[in-house]
PDB file of all heavy atoms in Angstrom:
ATOM      1  N   VAL A   1      -4.591   4.734   4.699  1.00  0.00           N
ATOM      2  CA  VAL A   1      -3.994   3.650   5.507  1.00  0.00           C
ATOM      3  C   VAL A   1      -2.500   3.874   5.701  1.00  0.00           C
ATOM      4  O   VAL A   1      -1.917   3.631   6.799  1.00  0.00           O
ATOM      5  CB  VAL A   1      -4.292   2.280   4.803  1.00  0.00           C
ATOM      6  CG1 VAL A   1      -3.365   1.187   5.443  1.00  0.00           C
ATOM      7  CG2 VAL A   1      -5.766   1.969   4.990  1.00  0.00           C
ATOM      8  N   ILE A   2      -1.793   4.294   4.582  1.00  0.00           N
ATOM      9  CA  ILE A   2      -0.403   4.604   4.770  1.00  0.00           C
ATOM     10  C   ILE A   2      -0.116   5.655   5.774  1.00  0.00           C
ATOM     11  O   ILE A   2       0.775   5.512   6.650  1.00  0.00           O
ATOM     12  CB  ILE A   2       0.253   4.965   3.369  1.00  0.00           C
ATOM     13  CG1 ILE A   2       0.270   3.712   2.427  1.00  0.00           C
ATOM     14  CG2 ILE A   2       1.608   5.510   3.515  1.00  0.00           C
ATOM     15  CD1 ILE A   2       0.712   4.032   1.054  1.00  0.00           C
ATOM     16  N   LYS A   3      -0.914   6.696   5.689  1.00  0.00           N
ATOM     17  CA  LYS A   3      -0.668   7.852   6.641  1.00  0.00           C
ATOM     18  C   LYS A   3      -1.061   7.533   8.017  1.00  0.00           C
ATOM     19  O   LYS A   3      -0.267   7.915   9.010  1.00  0.00           O
ATOM     20  CB  LYS A   3      -1.476   9.008   6.146  1.00  0.00           C
ATOM     21  CG  LYS A   3      -1.322  10.342   6.963  1.00  0.00           C
ATOM     22  CD  LYS A   3      -2.103  11.503   6.405  1.00  0.00           C
ATOM     23  CE  LYS A   3      -1.924  12.742   7.269  1.00  0.00           C
ATOM     24  NZ  LYS A   3      -0.537  13.227   7.182  1.00  0.00           N
ATOM     25  N   GLU A   4      -2.222   6.855   8.269  1.00  0.00           N
ATOM     26  CA  GLU A   4      -2.664   6.715   9.616  1.00  0.00           C
ATOM     27  C   GLU A   4      -2.282   5.376  10.277  1.00  0.00           C
ATOM     28  O   GLU A   4      -2.210   5.315  11.488  1.00  0.00           O
ATOM     29  CB  GLU A   4      -4.286   6.732   9.526  1.00  0.00           C
ATOM     30  CG  GLU A   4      -4.801   8.056   9.009  1.00  0.00           C
ATOM     31  CD  GLU A   4      -4.433   9.230   9.882  1.00  0.00           C
ATOM     32  OE1 GLU A   4      -4.257   9.048  11.104  1.00  0.00           O
ATOM     33  OE2 GLU A   4      -4.323  10.354   9.379  1.00  0.00           O
ATOM     34  N   LYS A   5      -1.922   4.333   9.568  1.00  0.00           N
ATOM     35  CA  LYS A   5      -1.654   3.087  10.112  1.00  0.00           C
ATOM     36  C   LYS A   5      -0.168   2.632   9.905  1.00  0.00           C
ATOM     37  O   LYS A   5       0.455   2.096  10.776  1.00  0.00           O
ATOM     38  CB  LYS A   5      -2.512   1.933   9.531  1.00  0.00           C
ATOM     39  CG  LYS A   5      -4.026   2.185   9.622  1.00  0.00           C
ATOM     40  CD  LYS A   5      -4.496   2.136  11.100  1.00  0.00           C
ATOM     41  CE  LYS A   5      -5.907   2.275  11.238  1.00  0.00           C
ATOM     42  NZ  LYS A   5      -6.367   2.286  12.753  1.00  0.00           N
ATOM     43  N   MET A   6       0.359   2.941   8.729  1.00  0.00           N
ATOM     44  CA  MET A   6       1.728   2.350   8.415  1.00  0.00           C
ATOM     45  C   MET A   6       2.813   3.289   8.787  1.00  0.00           C
ATOM     46  O   MET A   6       3.849   2.855   9.286  1.00  0.00           O
ATOM     47  CB  MET A   6       1.719   1.959   6.881  1.00  0.00           C
ATOM     48  CG  MET A   6       0.729   0.975   6.478  1.00  0.00           C
ATOM     49  SD  MET A   6       0.663   0.570   4.710  1.00  0.00           S
ATOM     50  CE  MET A   6       2.295  -0.379   4.600  1.00  0.00           C
ATOM     51  N   ILE A   7       2.648   4.630   8.539  1.00  0.00           N
ATOM     52  CA  ILE A   7       3.759   5.568   8.961  1.00  0.00           C
ATOM     53  C   ILE A   7       3.988   5.511  10.439  1.00  0.00           C
ATOM     54  O   ILE A   7       5.133   5.619  10.864  1.00  0.00           O
ATOM     55  CB  ILE A   7       3.314   7.028   8.496  1.00  0.00           C
ATOM     56  CG1 ILE A   7       3.281   7.105   6.974  1.00  0.00           C
ATOM     57  CG2 ILE A   7       4.155   8.021   9.147  1.00  0.00           C
ATOM     58  CD1 ILE A   7       4.678   6.935   6.342  1.00  0.00           C
ATOM     59  N   PRO A   8       2.975   5.389  11.310  1.00  0.00           N
ATOM     60  CA  PRO A   8       3.258   5.345  12.710  1.00  0.00           C
ATOM     61  C   PRO A   8       4.065   4.132  13.127  1.00  0.00           C
ATOM     62  O   PRO A   8       4.696   4.053  14.183  1.00  0.00           O
ATOM     63  CB  PRO A   8       1.869   5.393  13.388  1.00  0.00           C
ATOM     64  CG  PRO A   8       0.984   6.038  12.415  1.00  0.00           C
ATOM     65  CD  PRO A   8       1.528   5.607  11.138  1.00  0.00           C
ATOM     66  N   ALA A   9       4.079   3.135  12.278  1.00  0.00           N
ATOM     67  CA  ALA A   9       4.696   1.806  12.702  1.00  0.00           C
ATOM     68  C   ALA A   9       6.225   1.760  12.260  1.00  0.00           C
ATOM     69  O   ALA A   9       6.882   0.778  12.449  1.00  0.00           O
ATOM     70  CB  ALA A   9       3.937   0.647  12.051  1.00  0.00           C
ATOM     71  N   THR A  10       6.674   2.845  11.563  1.00  0.00           N
ATOM     72  CA  THR A  10       8.014   2.847  11.060  1.00  0.00           C
ATOM     73  C   THR A  10       8.625   4.243  11.055  1.00  0.00           C
ATOM     74  O   THR A  10       7.798   5.224  11.057  1.00  0.00           O
ATOM     75  CB  THR A  10       8.128   2.230   9.709  1.00  0.00           C
ATOM     76  OG1 THR A  10       9.514   2.272   9.230  1.00  0.00           O
ATOM     77  CG2 THR A  10       7.309   3.073   8.664  1.00  0.00           C
ATOM     78  N   GLU A  11       9.873   4.434  10.983  1.00  0.00           N
ATOM     79  CA  GLU A  11      10.465   5.788  10.796  1.00  0.00           C
ATOM     80  C   GLU A  11      10.652   6.067   9.344  1.00  0.00           C
ATOM     81  O   GLU A  11      11.019   7.234   9.022  1.00  0.00           O
ATOM     82  CB  GLU A  11      11.740   5.886  11.661  1.00  0.00           C
ATOM     83  CG  GLU A  11      11.579   5.907  13.120  1.00  0.00           C
ATOM     84  CD  GLU A  11      12.845   6.257  13.876  1.00  0.00           C
ATOM     85  OE1 GLU A  11      13.876   6.342  13.163  1.00  0.00           O
ATOM     86  OE2 GLU A  11      12.725   6.446  15.114  1.00  0.00           O
ATOM     87  N   ASP A  12      10.580   5.009   8.528  1.00  0.00           N
ATOM     88  CA  ASP A  12      10.896   5.136   7.100  1.00  0.00           C
ATOM     89  C   ASP A  12       9.704   5.659   6.307  1.00  0.00           C
ATOM     90  O   ASP A  12       8.555   5.652   6.747  1.00  0.00           O
ATOM     91  CB  ASP A  12      11.363   3.791   6.613  1.00  0.00           C
ATOM     92  CG  ASP A  12      12.296   3.871   5.399  1.00  0.00           C
ATOM     93  OD1 ASP A  12      12.433   5.065   4.863  1.00  0.00           O
ATOM     94  OD2 ASP A  12      12.777   2.872   4.969  1.00  0.00           O
ATOM     95  N   ASP A  13      10.052   6.153   5.046  1.00  0.00           N
ATOM     96  CA  ASP A  13       9.023   6.468   4.128  1.00  0.00           C
ATOM     97  C   ASP A  13       8.260   5.094   3.762  1.00  0.00           C
ATOM     98  O   ASP A  13       8.848   4.072   3.861  1.00  0.00           O
ATOM     99  CB  ASP A  13       9.578   7.012   2.803  1.00  0.00           C
ATOM    100  CG  ASP A  13      10.316   8.331   3.022  1.00  0.00           C
ATOM    101  OD1 ASP A  13      10.026   8.976   4.040  1.00  0.00           O
ATOM    102  OD2 ASP A  13      11.165   8.614   2.173  1.00  0.00           O
ATOM    103  N   VAL A  14       7.027   5.274   3.264  1.00  0.00           N
ATOM    104  CA  VAL A  14       6.256   4.058   2.973  1.00  0.00           C
ATOM    105  C   VAL A  14       5.593   4.211   1.606  1.00  0.00           C
ATOM    106  O   VAL A  14       5.092   5.347   1.291  1.00  0.00           O
ATOM    107  CB  VAL A  14       5.127   3.851   4.042  1.00  0.00           C
ATOM    108  CG1 VAL A  14       4.190   2.704   3.548  1.00  0.00           C
ATOM    109  CG2 VAL A  14       5.680   3.518   5.359  1.00  0.00           C
ATOM    110  N   SER A  15       5.706   3.245   0.796  1.00  0.00           N
ATOM    111  CA  SER A  15       5.109   3.216  -0.572  1.00  0.00           C
ATOM    112  C   SER A  15       4.462   1.821  -0.799  1.00  0.00           C
ATOM    113  O   SER A  15       5.042   0.855  -0.356  1.00  0.00           O
ATOM    114  CB  SER A  15       6.055   3.590  -1.715  1.00  0.00           C
ATOM    115  OG  SER A  15       7.231   2.759  -1.469  1.00  0.00           O
ATOM    116  N   VAL A  16       3.384   1.829  -1.471  1.00  0.00           N
ATOM    117  CA  VAL A  16       2.545   0.637  -1.789  1.00  0.00           C
ATOM    118  C   VAL A  16       2.041   0.798  -3.171  1.00  0.00           C
ATOM    119  O   VAL A  16       1.479   1.854  -3.571  1.00  0.00           O
ATOM    120  CB  VAL A  16       1.436   0.320  -0.795  1.00  0.00           C
ATOM    121  CG1 VAL A  16       0.670  -0.941  -1.221  1.00  0.00           C
ATOM    122  CG2 VAL A  16       2.068   0.135   0.633  1.00  0.00           C
ATOM    123  N   ALA A  17       2.149  -0.262  -3.963  1.00  0.00           N
ATOM    124  CA  ALA A  17       1.535  -0.330  -5.334  1.00  0.00           C
ATOM    125  C   ALA A  17       0.850  -1.721  -5.488  1.00  0.00           C
ATOM    126  O   ALA A  17       1.382  -2.736  -5.158  1.00  0.00           O
ATOM    127  CB  ALA A  17       2.509  -0.130  -6.443  1.00  0.00           C
ATOM    128  N   ILE A  18      -0.408  -1.732  -6.051  1.00  0.00           N
ATOM    129  CA  ILE A  18      -1.223  -2.865  -6.138  1.00  0.00           C
ATOM    130  C   ILE A  18      -1.691  -3.107  -7.548  1.00  0.00           C
ATOM    131  O   ILE A  18      -2.172  -2.141  -8.178  1.00  0.00           O
ATOM    132  CB  ILE A  18      -2.395  -2.977  -5.230  1.00  0.00           C
ATOM    133  CG1 ILE A  18      -1.914  -2.651  -3.770  1.00  0.00           C
ATOM    134  CG2 ILE A  18      -3.108  -4.288  -5.197  1.00  0.00           C
ATOM    135  CD1 ILE A  18      -3.150  -2.388  -2.811  1.00  0.00           C
ATOM    136  N   LEU A  19      -1.546  -4.314  -8.054  1.00  0.00           N
ATOM    137  CA  LEU A  19      -2.110  -4.635  -9.395  1.00  0.00           C
ATOM    138  C   LEU A  19      -3.076  -5.806  -9.255  1.00  0.00           C
ATOM    139  O   LEU A  19      -2.774  -6.795  -8.611  1.00  0.00           O
ATOM    140  CB  LEU A  19      -1.010  -5.072 -10.306  1.00  0.00           C
ATOM    141  CG  LEU A  19      -1.312  -5.870 -11.577  1.00  0.00           C
ATOM    142  CD1 LEU A  19      -2.047  -4.869 -12.584  1.00  0.00           C
ATOM    143  CD2 LEU A  19      -0.099  -6.472 -12.210  1.00  0.00           C
ATOM    144  N   TYR A  20      -4.280  -5.695  -9.856  1.00  0.00           N
ATOM    145  CA  TYR A  20      -5.266  -6.826  -9.854  1.00  0.00           C
ATOM    146  C   TYR A  20      -5.503  -7.157 -11.277  1.00  0.00           C
ATOM    147  O   TYR A  20      -5.883  -6.272 -12.107  1.00  0.00           O
ATOM    148  CB  TYR A  20      -6.528  -6.420  -9.135  1.00  0.00           C
ATOM    149  CG  TYR A  20      -7.638  -7.445  -9.415  1.00  0.00           C
ATOM    150  CD1 TYR A  20      -7.560  -8.692  -8.890  1.00  0.00           C
ATOM    151  CD2 TYR A  20      -8.760  -7.143 -10.235  1.00  0.00           C
ATOM    152  CE1 TYR A  20      -8.532  -9.685  -9.144  1.00  0.00           C
ATOM    153  CE2 TYR A  20      -9.745  -8.074 -10.478  1.00  0.00           C
ATOM    154  CZ  TYR A  20      -9.618  -9.378  -9.902  1.00  0.00           C
ATOM    155  OH  TYR A  20     -10.597 -10.286 -10.223  1.00  0.00           O
ATOM    156  N   CYS A  21      -5.309  -8.410 -11.657  1.00  0.00           N
ATOM    157  CA  CYS A  21      -5.616  -8.924 -13.003  1.00  0.00           C
ATOM    158  C   CYS A  21      -6.747  -9.838 -12.871  1.00  0.00           C
ATOM    159  O   CYS A  21      -6.835 -10.835 -12.189  1.00  0.00           O
ATOM    160  CB  CYS A  21      -4.425  -9.742 -13.512  1.00  0.00           C
ATOM    161  SG  CYS A  21      -2.958  -8.774 -13.789  1.00  0.00           S
ATOM    162  N   GLY A  22      -7.910  -9.498 -13.528  1.00  0.00           N
ATOM    163  CA  GLY A  22      -9.197 -10.213 -13.459  1.00  0.00           C
ATOM    164  C   GLY A  22      -9.291 -11.263 -14.551  1.00  0.00           C
ATOM    165  O   GLY A  22      -8.375 -11.513 -15.355  1.00  0.00           O
ATOM    166  N   GLU A  23     -10.489 -11.842 -14.620  1.00  0.00           N
ATOM    167  CA  GLU A  23     -10.805 -12.763 -15.738  1.00  0.00           C
ATOM    168  C   GLU A  23     -10.755 -12.139 -17.033  1.00  0.00           C
ATOM    169  O   GLU A  23     -11.016 -10.914 -17.217  1.00  0.00           O
ATOM    170  CB  GLU A  23     -12.165 -13.339 -15.511  1.00  0.00           C
ATOM    171  CG  GLU A  23     -12.402 -14.133 -14.165  1.00  0.00           C
ATOM    172  CD  GLU A  23     -11.926 -15.618 -14.350  1.00  0.00           C
ATOM    173  OE1 GLU A  23     -11.342 -15.968 -15.403  1.00  0.00           O
ATOM    174  OE2 GLU A  23     -12.146 -16.354 -13.407  1.00  0.00           O
ATOM    175  N   ASP A  24     -10.360 -12.874 -18.112  1.00  0.00           N
ATOM    176  CA  ASP A  24     -10.407 -12.321 -19.498  1.00  0.00           C
ATOM    177  C   ASP A  24     -11.891 -11.894 -19.762  1.00  0.00           C
ATOM    178  O   ASP A  24     -12.829 -12.634 -19.550  1.00  0.00           O
ATOM    179  CB  ASP A  24      -9.950 -13.336 -20.428  1.00  0.00           C
ATOM    180  CG  ASP A  24      -8.452 -13.670 -20.279  1.00  0.00           C
ATOM    181  OD1 ASP A  24      -7.728 -12.835 -19.656  1.00  0.00           O
ATOM    182  OD2 ASP A  24      -7.991 -14.775 -20.755  1.00  0.00           O
ATOM    183  N   GLU A  25     -11.946 -10.799 -20.415  1.00  0.00           N
ATOM    184  CA  GLU A  25     -13.275 -10.248 -20.711  1.00  0.00           C
ATOM    185  C   GLU A  25     -13.678 -10.749 -22.172  1.00  0.00           C
ATOM    186  O   GLU A  25     -12.794 -11.018 -23.014  1.00  0.00           O
ATOM    187  CB  GLU A  25     -13.284  -8.701 -20.679  1.00  0.00           C
ATOM    188  CG  GLU A  25     -13.143  -8.223 -19.294  1.00  0.00           C
ATOM    189  CD  GLU A  25     -13.267  -6.642 -19.219  1.00  0.00           C
ATOM    190  OE1 GLU A  25     -12.814  -5.973 -20.171  1.00  0.00           O
ATOM    191  OE2 GLU A  25     -13.602  -6.159 -18.132  1.00  0.00           O
TER     192      GLU A  25
END
């Protein structure tokens, strides 16, 4: 997604980081 969708929308480098915290196990 970064390469094909986000990079064409800007001239800048792009970085994304995602964290998901679920229910206590």
